[in-house]
PDB file of N, CA and C in Angstrom:
ATOM      1  N   MET A   1     106.480 127.349 108.406  1.00  0.00           N
ATOM      2  CA  MET A   1     107.236 126.480 109.281  1.00  0.00           C
ATOM      3  C   MET A   1     106.407 125.939 110.446  1.00  0.00           C
ATOM      4  N   PRO A   2     105.483 126.733 111.017  1.00  0.00           N
ATOM      5  CA  PRO A   2     104.716 126.182 112.140  1.00  0.00           C
ATOM      6  C   PRO A   2     103.936 124.918 111.765  1.00  0.00           C
ATOM      7  N   LEU A   3     103.485 124.827 110.513  1.00  0.00           N
ATOM      8  CA  LEU A   3     102.734 123.635 110.096  1.00  0.00           C
ATOM      9  C   LEU A   3     103.635 122.408 110.086  1.00  0.00           C
ATOM     10  N   VAL A   4     104.848 122.557 109.603  1.00  0.00           N
ATOM     11  CA  VAL A   4     105.795 121.438 109.553  1.00  0.00           C
ATOM     12  C   VAL A   4     106.224 121.060 110.978  1.00  0.00           C
ATOM     13  N   GLU A   5     106.507 122.059 111.804  1.00  0.00           N
ATOM     14  CA  GLU A   5     106.893 121.790 113.192  1.00  0.00           C
ATOM     15  C   GLU A   5     105.802 121.026 113.930  1.00  0.00           C
ATOM     16  N   ASN A   6     104.543 121.449 113.761  1.00  0.00           N
ATOM     17  CA  ASN A   6     103.431 120.760 114.423  1.00  0.00           C
ATOM     18  C   ASN A   6     103.281 119.323 113.934  1.00  0.00           C
ATOM     19  N   ALA A   7     103.507 119.104 112.643  1.00  0.00           N
ATOM     20  CA  ALA A   7     103.376 117.745 112.104  1.00  0.00           C
ATOM     21  C   ALA A   7     104.336 116.790 112.808  1.00  0.00           C
ATOM     22  N   PHE A   8     105.554 117.234 113.045  1.00  0.00           N
ATOM     23  CA  PHE A   8     106.526 116.375 113.727  1.00  0.00           C
ATOM     24  C   PHE A   8     106.272 116.323 115.233  1.00  0.00           C
ATOM     25  N   LYS A   9     105.799 117.416 115.795  1.00  0.00           N
ATOM     26  CA  LYS A   9     105.521 117.450 117.235  1.00  0.00           C
ATOM     27  C   LYS A   9     104.409 116.476 117.612  1.00  0.00           C
ATOM     28  N   TYR A  10     103.365 116.402 116.778  1.00  0.00           N
ATOM     29  CA  TYR A  10     102.204 115.571 117.093  1.00  0.00           C
ATOM     30  C   TYR A  10     102.150 114.278 116.290  1.00  0.00           C
ATOM     31  N   LEU A  11     103.257 113.909 115.674  1.00  0.00           N
ATOM     32  CA  LEU A  11     103.332 112.661 114.903  1.00  0.00           C
ATOM     33  C   LEU A  11     103.046 111.470 115.805  1.00  0.00           C
ATOM     34  N   SER A  12     102.335 110.489 115.264  1.00  0.00           N
ATOM     35  CA  SER A  12     102.031 109.274 116.021  1.00  0.00           C
ATOM     36  C   SER A  12     103.321 108.503 116.310  1.00  0.00           C
ATOM     37  N   HIS A  13     103.262 107.645 117.311  1.00  0.00           N
ATOM     38  CA  HIS A  13     104.408 106.814 117.684  1.00  0.00           C
ATOM     39  C   HIS A  13     103.966 105.356 117.829  1.00  0.00           C
ATOM     40  N   PHE A  14     103.275 104.860 116.818  1.00  0.00           N
ATOM     41  CA  PHE A  14     102.802 103.482 116.864  1.00  0.00           C
ATOM     42  C   PHE A  14     103.998 102.539 116.727  1.00  0.00           C
ATOM     43  N   PRO A  15     104.165 101.590 117.641  1.00  0.00           N
ATOM     44  CA  PRO A  15     105.319 100.680 117.547  1.00  0.00           C
ATOM     45  C   PRO A  15     105.253  99.758 116.320  1.00  0.00           C
ATOM     46  N   GLU A  16     104.051  99.416 115.876  1.00  0.00           N
ATOM     47  CA  GLU A  16     103.910  98.510 114.739  1.00  0.00           C
ATOM     48  C   GLU A  16     103.071  99.142 113.632  1.00  0.00           C
ATOM     49  N   GLY A  17     103.052 100.456 113.573  1.00  0.00           N
ATOM     50  CA  GLY A  17     102.184 101.112 112.611  1.00  0.00           C
ATOM     51  C   GLY A  17     102.917 102.042 111.683  1.00  0.00           C
ATOM     52  N   ASN A  18     102.138 102.720 110.892  1.00  0.00           N
ATOM     53  CA  ASN A  18     102.651 103.650 109.905  1.00  0.00           C
ATOM     54  C   ASN A  18     102.690 105.051 110.518  1.00  0.00           C
ATOM     55  N   ASN A  19     103.874 105.528 110.861  1.00  0.00           N
ATOM     56  CA  ASN A  19     104.055 106.868 111.409  1.00  0.00           C
ATOM     57  C   ASN A  19     104.637 107.720 110.289  1.00  0.00           C
ATOM     58  N   ARG A  20     103.849 108.698 109.819  1.00  0.00           N
ATOM     59  CA  ARG A  20     104.322 109.421 108.633  1.00  0.00           C
ATOM     60  C   ARG A  20     103.924 110.881 108.657  1.00  0.00           C
ATOM     61  N   VAL A  21     104.796 111.679 108.024  1.00  0.00           N
ATOM     62  CA  VAL A  21     104.538 113.094 107.762  1.00  0.00           C
ATOM     63  C   VAL A  21     104.609 113.270 106.260  1.00  0.00           C
ATOM     64  N   SER A  22     103.655 113.985 105.698  1.00  0.00           N
ATOM     65  CA  SER A  22     103.618 114.253 104.266  1.00  0.00           C
ATOM     66  C   SER A  22     103.522 115.760 104.058  1.00  0.00           C
ATOM     67  N   ILE A  23     104.404 116.295 103.201  1.00  0.00           N
ATOM     68  CA  ILE A  23     104.416 117.727 102.918  1.00  0.00           C
ATOM     69  C   ILE A  23     104.374 117.907 101.406  1.00  0.00           C
ATOM     70  N   HIS A  24     103.414 118.677 100.937  1.00  0.00           N
ATOM     71  CA  HIS A  24     103.304 118.940  99.498  1.00  0.00           C
ATOM     72  C   HIS A  24     103.084 120.442  99.317  1.00  0.00           C
ATOM     73  N   ILE A  25     103.935 121.047  98.483  1.00  0.00           N
ATOM     74  CA  ILE A  25     103.829 122.482  98.208  1.00  0.00           C
ATOM     75  C   ILE A  25     103.792 122.679  96.709  1.00  0.00           C
ATOM     76  N   SER A  26     102.815 123.460  96.239  1.00  0.00           N
ATOM     77  CA  SER A  26     102.738 123.769  94.814  1.00  0.00           C
ATOM     78  C   SER A  26     102.505 125.267  94.641  1.00  0.00           C
ATOM     79  N   ASN A  27     102.947 125.772  93.502  1.00  0.00           N
ATOM     80  CA  ASN A  27     102.846 127.194  93.220  1.00  0.00           C
ATOM     81  C   ASN A  27     102.569 127.374  91.738  1.00  0.00           C
ATOM     82  N   ASP A  28     101.666 128.283  91.426  1.00  0.00           N
ATOM     83  CA  ASP A  28     101.437 128.652  90.029  1.00  0.00           C
ATOM     84  C   ASP A  28     101.230 130.156  89.975  1.00  0.00           C
ATOM     85  N   ASP A  29     100.799 130.680  88.855  1.00  0.00           N
ATOM     86  CA  ASP A  29     100.631 132.127  88.709  1.00  0.00           C
ATOM     87  C   ASP A  29      99.556 132.699  89.636  1.00  0.00           C
ATOM     88  N   GLN A  30      98.633 131.862  90.077  1.00  0.00           N
ATOM     89  CA  GLN A  30      97.504 132.363  90.850  1.00  0.00           C
ATOM     90  C   GLN A  30      97.637 132.167  92.354  1.00  0.00           C
ATOM     91  N   SER A  31      98.296 131.098  92.782  1.00  0.00           N
ATOM     92  CA  SER A  31      98.350 130.848  94.222  1.00  0.00           C
ATOM     93  C   SER A  31      99.457 129.875  94.608  1.00  0.00           C
ATOM     94  N   LEU A  32      99.727 129.871  95.911  1.00  0.00           N
ATOM     95  CA  LEU A  32     100.621 128.902  96.524  1.00  0.00           C
ATOM     96  C   LEU A  32      99.749 128.025  97.412  1.00  0.00           C
ATOM     97  N   GLU A  33      99.974 126.724  97.378  1.00  0.00           N
ATOM     98  CA  GLU A  33      99.217 125.813  98.235  1.00  0.00           C
ATOM     99  C   GLU A  33     100.189 124.875  98.929  1.00  0.00           C
ATOM    100  N   ALA A  34     100.040 124.762 100.246  1.00  0.00           N
ATOM    101  CA  ALA A  34     100.851 123.853 101.046  1.00  0.00           C
ATOM    102  C   ALA A  34      99.921 122.925 101.812  1.00  0.00           C
ATOM    103  N   THR A  35     100.172 121.627 101.703  1.00  0.00           N
ATOM    104  CA  THR A  35      99.411 120.628 102.433  1.00  0.00           C
ATOM    105  C   THR A  35     100.375 119.860 103.322  1.00  0.00           C
ATOM    106  N   VAL A  36     100.077 119.805 104.614  1.00  0.00           N
ATOM    107  CA  VAL A  36     100.904 119.080 105.566  1.00  0.00           C
ATOM    108  C   VAL A  36     100.003 118.101 106.297  1.00  0.00           C
ATOM    109  N   LYS A  37     100.408 116.804 106.284  1.00  0.00           N
ATOM    110  CA  LYS A  37      99.628 115.760 106.950  1.00  0.00           C
ATOM    111  C   LYS A  37     100.547 114.971 107.874  1.00  0.00           C
ATOM    112  N   ASN A  38      99.970 114.478 108.952  1.00  0.00           N
ATOM    113  CA  ASN A  38     100.711 113.562 109.814  1.00  0.00           C
ATOM    114  C   ASN A  38      99.745 112.567 110.449  1.00  0.00           C
ATOM    115  N   THR A  39     100.252 111.358 110.675  1.00  0.00           N
ATOM    116  CA  THR A  39      99.467 110.406 111.444  1.00  0.00           C
ATOM    117  C   THR A  39      99.490 110.865 112.895  1.00  0.00           C
ATOM    118  N   LYS A  40      98.467 110.471 113.633  1.00  0.00           N
ATOM    119  CA  LYS A  40      98.379 110.912 115.022  1.00  0.00           C
ATOM    120  C   LYS A  40      97.799 109.806 115.879  1.00  0.00           C
ATOM    121  N   GLU A  41      98.004 109.955 117.159  1.00  0.00           N
ATOM    122  CA  GLU A  41      97.462 108.998 118.121  1.00  0.00           C
ATOM    123  C   GLU A  41      95.948 109.173 118.196  1.00  0.00           C
ATOM    124  N   ILE A  42      95.241 108.098 118.430  1.00  0.00           N
ATOM    125  CA  ILE A  42      93.791 108.157 118.615  1.00  0.00           C
ATOM    126  C   ILE A  42      93.535 108.571 120.063  1.00  0.00           C
ATOM    127  N   ARG A  43      92.768 109.633 120.235  1.00  0.00           N
ATOM    128  CA  ARG A  43      92.463 110.132 121.580  1.00  0.00           C
ATOM    129  C   ARG A  43      91.012 109.817 121.918  1.00  0.00           C
ATOM    130  N   ILE A  44      90.800 109.395 123.133  1.00  0.00           N
ATOM    131  CA  ILE A  44      89.436 109.116 123.589  1.00  0.00           C
ATOM    132  C   ILE A  44      88.687 110.430 123.773  1.00  0.00           C
ATOM    133  N   GLU A  45      89.316 111.390 124.436  1.00  0.00           N
ATOM    134  CA  GLU A  45      88.688 112.696 124.608  1.00  0.00           C
ATOM    135  C   GLU A  45      89.002 113.552 123.399  1.00  0.00           C
ATOM    136  N   LYS A  46      88.025 114.237 122.914  1.00  0.00           N
ATOM    137  CA  LYS A  46      88.185 115.071 121.713  1.00  0.00           C
ATOM    138  C   LYS A  46      88.330 116.509 122.146  1.00  0.00           C
ATOM    139  N   LYS A  47      89.476 117.107 121.786  1.00  0.00           N
ATOM    140  CA  LYS A  47      89.618 118.524 122.068  1.00  0.00           C
ATOM    141  C   LYS A  47      89.554 119.279 120.754  1.00  0.00           C
ATOM    142  N   GLU A  48      89.315 120.558 120.848  1.00  0.00           N
ATOM    143  CA  GLU A  48      89.173 121.394 119.659  1.00  0.00           C
ATOM    144  C   GLU A  48      90.461 121.384 118.846  1.00  0.00           C
ATOM    145  N   ALA A  49      90.317 121.280 117.529  1.00  0.00           N
ATOM    146  CA  ALA A  49      91.482 121.264 116.644  1.00  0.00           C
ATOM    147  C   ALA A  49      92.175 122.610 116.675  1.00  0.00           C
ATOM    148  N   GLY A  50      93.463 122.555 116.893  1.00  0.00           N
ATOM    149  CA  GLY A  50      94.252 123.777 116.831  1.00  0.00           C
ATOM    150  C   GLY A  50      94.525 124.377 118.188  1.00  0.00           C
ATOM    151  N   GLY A  51      95.794 124.441 118.536  1.00  0.00           N
ATOM    152  CA  GLY A  51      96.186 125.049 119.789  1.00  0.00           C
ATOM    153  C   GLY A  51      96.685 126.461 119.553  1.00  0.00           C
ATOM    154  N   ILE A  52      97.542 126.924 120.454  1.00  0.00           N
ATOM    155  CA  ILE A  52      98.027 128.295 120.375  1.00  0.00           C
ATOM    156  C   ILE A  52      98.859 128.537 119.117  1.00  0.00           C
ATOM    157  N   GLY A  53      99.601 127.522 118.665  1.00  0.00           N
ATOM    158  CA  GLY A  53     100.403 127.674 117.457  1.00  0.00           C
ATOM    159  C   GLY A  53      99.556 127.968 116.234  1.00  0.00           C
ATOM    160  N   LEU A  54      98.450 127.258 116.079  1.00  0.00           N
ATOM    161  CA  LEU A  54      97.566 127.499 114.936  1.00  0.00           C
ATOM    162  C   LEU A  54      96.813 128.819 115.085  1.00  0.00           C
ATOM    163  N   ARG A  55      96.470 129.196 116.316  1.00  0.00           N
ATOM    164  CA  ARG A  55      95.831 130.509 116.526  1.00  0.00           C
ATOM    165  C   ARG A  55      96.787 131.636 116.132  1.00  0.00           C
ATOM    166  N   ASN A  56      98.051 131.505 116.543  1.00  0.00           N
ATOM    167  CA  ASN A  56      99.045 132.513 116.168  1.00  0.00           C
ATOM    168  C   ASN A  56      99.245 132.560 114.658  1.00  0.00           C
ATOM    169  N   LEU A  57      99.254 131.385 114.018  1.00  0.00           N
ATOM    170  CA  LEU A  57      99.407 131.323 112.564  1.00  0.00           C
ATOM    171  C   LEU A  57      98.234 132.019 111.878  1.00  0.00           C
ATOM    172  N   ARG A  58      97.020 131.769 112.345  1.00  0.00           N
ATOM    173  CA  ARG A  58      95.840 132.434 111.760  1.00  0.00           C
ATOM    174  C   ARG A  58      95.985 133.960 111.838  1.00  0.00           C
ATOM    175  N   ARG A  59      96.439 134.443 112.974  1.00  0.00           N
ATOM    176  CA  ARG A  59      96.589 135.887 113.161  1.00  0.00           C
ATOM    177  C   ARG A  59      97.663 136.453 112.231  1.00  0.00           C
ATOM    178  N   ARG A  60      98.777 135.760 112.115  1.00  0.00           N
ATOM    179  CA  ARG A  60      99.848 136.207 111.218  1.00  0.00           C
ATOM    180  C   ARG A  60      99.378 136.238 109.773  1.00  0.00           C
ATOM    181  N   LEU A  61      98.608 135.226 109.369  1.00  0.00           N
ATOM    182  CA  LEU A  61      98.076 135.197 108.004  1.00  0.00           C
ATOM    183  C   LEU A  61      97.141 136.370 107.762  1.00  0.00           C
ATOM    184  N   GLU A  62      96.307 136.707 108.758  1.00  0.00           N
ATOM    185  CA  GLU A  62      95.393 137.850 108.625  1.00  0.00           C
ATOM    186  C   GLU A  62      96.172 139.150 108.424  1.00  0.00           C
ATOM    187  N   LEU A  63      97.276 139.279 109.139  1.00  0.00           N
ATOM    188  CA  LEU A  63      98.081 140.495 109.035  1.00  0.00           C
ATOM    189  C   LEU A  63      98.868 140.567 107.726  1.00  0.00           C
ATOM    190  N   GLN A  64      99.449 139.453 107.299  1.00  0.00           N
ATOM    191  CA  GLN A  64     100.306 139.447 106.116  1.00  0.00           C
ATOM    192  C   GLN A  64      99.554 139.259 104.806  1.00  0.00           C
ATOM    193  N   TYR A  65      98.464 138.508 104.833  1.00  0.00           N
ATOM    194  CA  TYR A  65      97.721 138.188 103.606  1.00  0.00           C
ATOM    195  C   TYR A  65      96.224 138.403 103.801  1.00  0.00           C
ATOM    196  N   PRO A  66      95.802 139.611 104.161  1.00  0.00           N
ATOM    197  CA  PRO A  66      94.368 139.829 104.417  1.00  0.00           C
ATOM    198  C   PRO A  66      93.528 139.545 103.169  1.00  0.00           C
ATOM    199  N   ASN A  67      92.478 138.774 103.366  1.00  0.00           N
ATOM    200  CA  ASN A  67      91.533 138.419 102.296  1.00  0.00           C
ATOM    201  C   ASN A  67      92.184 137.679 101.126  1.00  0.00           C
ATOM    202  N   ARG A  68      93.386 137.117 101.332  1.00  0.00           N
ATOM    203  CA  ARG A  68      94.058 136.388 100.253  1.00  0.00           C
ATOM    204  C   ARG A  68      94.483 134.986 100.682  1.00  0.00           C
ATOM    205  N   HIS A  69      94.010 134.508 101.801  1.00  0.00           N
ATOM    206  CA  HIS A  69      94.454 133.195 102.263  1.00  0.00           C
ATOM    207  C   HIS A  69      93.271 132.352 102.757  1.00  0.00           C
ATOM    208  N   GLU A  70      93.510 131.051 102.754  1.00  0.00           N
ATOM    209  CA  GLU A  70      92.559 130.091 103.331  1.00  0.00           C
ATOM    210  C   GLU A  70      93.374 129.105 104.138  1.00  0.00           C
ATOM    211  N   LEU A  71      92.905 128.763 105.331  1.00  0.00           N
ATOM    212  CA  LEU A  71      93.546 127.763 106.163  1.00  0.00           C
ATOM    213  C   LEU A  71      92.492 126.723 106.507  1.00  0.00           C
ATOM    214  N   GLU A  72      92.675 125.530 105.999  1.00  0.00           N
ATOM    215  CA  GLU A  72      91.718 124.435 106.212  1.00  0.00           C
ATOM    216  C   GLU A  72      92.367 123.404 107.124  1.00  0.00           C
ATOM    217  N   ILE A  73      91.667 123.040 108.200  1.00  0.00           N
ATOM    218  CA  ILE A  73      92.182 122.068 109.161  1.00  0.00           C
ATOM    219  C   ILE A  73      91.234 120.882 109.199  1.00  0.00           C
ATOM    220  N   ASN A  74      91.785 119.691 108.946  1.00  0.00           N
ATOM    221  CA  ASN A  74      91.010 118.454 108.970  1.00  0.00           C
ATOM    222  C   ASN A  74      91.608 117.559 110.055  1.00  0.00           C
ATOM    223  N   ASP A  75      90.880 117.413 111.147  1.00  0.00           N
ATOM    224  CA  ASP A  75      91.340 116.625 112.284  1.00  0.00           C
ATOM    225  C   ASP A  75      90.607 115.287 112.280  1.00  0.00           C
ATOM    226  N   GLY A  76      91.187 114.321 111.590  1.00  0.00           N
ATOM    227  CA  GLY A  76      90.573 113.000 111.475  1.00  0.00           C
ATOM    228  C   GLY A  76      90.924 112.100 112.642  1.00  0.00           C
ATOM    229  N   LYS A  77      90.420 110.897 112.602  1.00  0.00           N
ATOM    230  CA  LYS A  77      90.626 109.956 113.702  1.00  0.00           C
ATOM    231  C   LYS A  77      92.097 109.557 113.842  1.00  0.00           C
ATOM    232  N   THR A  78      92.773 109.307 112.716  1.00  0.00           N
ATOM    233  CA  THR A  78      94.161 108.861 112.767  1.00  0.00           C
ATOM    234  C   THR A  78      95.114 109.756 111.974  1.00  0.00           C
ATOM    235  N   GLU A  79      94.583 110.842 111.386  1.00  0.00           N
ATOM    236  CA  GLU A  79      95.425 111.715 110.586  1.00  0.00           C
ATOM    237  C   GLU A  79      95.004 113.174 110.783  1.00  0.00           C
ATOM    238  N   PHE A  80      95.990 114.051 110.825  1.00  0.00           N
ATOM    239  CA  PHE A  80      95.757 115.487 110.925  1.00  0.00           C
ATOM    240  C   PHE A  80      96.276 116.118 109.647  1.00  0.00           C
ATOM    241  N   GLU A  81      95.458 116.978 109.027  1.00  0.00           N
ATOM    242  CA  GLU A  81      95.829 117.601 107.756  1.00  0.00           C
ATOM    243  C   GLU A  81      95.539 119.094 107.811  1.00  0.00           C
ATOM    244  N   VAL A  82      96.494 119.877 107.320  1.00  0.00           N
ATOM    245  CA  VAL A  82      96.314 121.319 107.219  1.00  0.00           C
ATOM    246  C   VAL A  82      96.625 121.721 105.784  1.00  0.00           C
ATOM    247  N   ILE A  83      95.724 122.500 105.195  1.00  0.00           N
ATOM    248  CA  ILE A  83      95.918 123.000 103.834  1.00  0.00           C
ATOM    249  C   ILE A  83      95.917 124.525 103.905  1.00  0.00           C
ATOM    250  N   LEU A  84      96.987 125.111 103.404  1.00  0.00           N
ATOM    251  CA  LEU A  84      97.120 126.563 103.376  1.00  0.00           C
ATOM    252  C   LEU A  84      97.176 127.008 101.922  1.00  0.00           C
ATOM    253  N   ARG A  85      96.297 127.944 101.563  1.00  0.00           N
ATOM    254  CA  ARG A  85      96.298 128.526 100.223  1.00  0.00           C
ATOM    255  C   ARG A  85      96.487 130.027 100.347  1.00  0.00           C
ATOM    256  N   ILE A  86      97.422 130.559  99.560  1.00  0.00           N
ATOM    257  CA  ILE A  86      97.644 131.996  99.525  1.00  0.00           C
ATOM    258  C   ILE A  86      97.560 132.441  98.073  1.00  0.00           C
ATOM    259  N   ARG A  87      96.593 133.319  97.786  1.00  0.00           N
ATOM    260  CA  ARG A  87      96.430 133.833  96.440  1.00  0.00           C
ATOM    261  C   ARG A  87      97.453 134.929  96.163  1.00  0.00           C
ATOM    262  N   ASN A  88      98.025 134.916  94.977  1.00  0.00           N
ATOM    263  CA  ASN A  88      98.972 135.962  94.574  1.00  0.00           C
ATOM    264  C   ASN A  88      98.234 137.268  94.385  1.00  0.00           C
ATOM    265  N   GLN A  89      98.919 138.364  94.633  1.00  0.00           N
ATOM    266  CA  GLN A  89      98.337 139.668  94.393  1.00  0.00           C
ATOM    267  C   GLN A  89      98.329 139.942  92.907  1.00  0.00           C
ATOM    268  N   LEU A  90      97.316 140.659  92.472  1.00  0.00           N
ATOM    269  CA  LEU A  90      97.253 141.038  91.064  1.00  0.00           C
ATOM    270  C   LEU A  90      98.283 142.121  90.781  1.00  0.00           C
ATOM    271  N   LYS A  91      98.989 141.987  89.692  1.00  0.00           N
ATOM    272  CA  LYS A  91      99.974 142.988  89.318  1.00  0.00           C
ATOM    273  C   LYS A  91      99.264 144.086  88.538  1.00  0.00           C
ATOM    274  N   ILE A  92      99.511 145.319  88.932  1.00  0.00           N
ATOM    275  CA  ILE A  92      98.883 146.444  88.267  1.00  0.00           C
ATOM    276  C   ILE A  92      99.875 147.031  87.270  1.00  0.00           C
ATOM    277  N   GLU A  93      99.501 147.038  86.013  1.00  0.00           N
ATOM    278  CA  GLU A  93     100.347 147.585  84.955  1.00  0.00           C
ATOM    279  C   GLU A  93     100.171 149.091  84.912  1.00  0.00           C
ATOM    280  N   LYS A  94     101.288 149.838  84.756  1.00  0.00           N
ATOM    281  CA  LYS A  94     101.209 151.314  84.652  1.00  0.00           C
ATOM    282  C   LYS A  94     101.476 151.752  83.240  1.00  0.00           C
TER     283      LYS A  94
END
């Protein structure tokens, strides 16, 4: 949910432009992948990608899915994209 909330929080507000949020989630036997993208305002000053919300998300992922997740953040000029991959645990047969 934090990824979706951030997409709407930081969505661009261009009066004559394309303001969009894109959410894609897929799941198979091996992993779950969620991609969330949003258009954003162009900033003159560049700050580091990811605020406290993304830091908290990273920590939660470490606790809940240690060594089974990837969080990729792409902070482009006009678009912000986050890709989250969580690998399924192997089932042990008895």
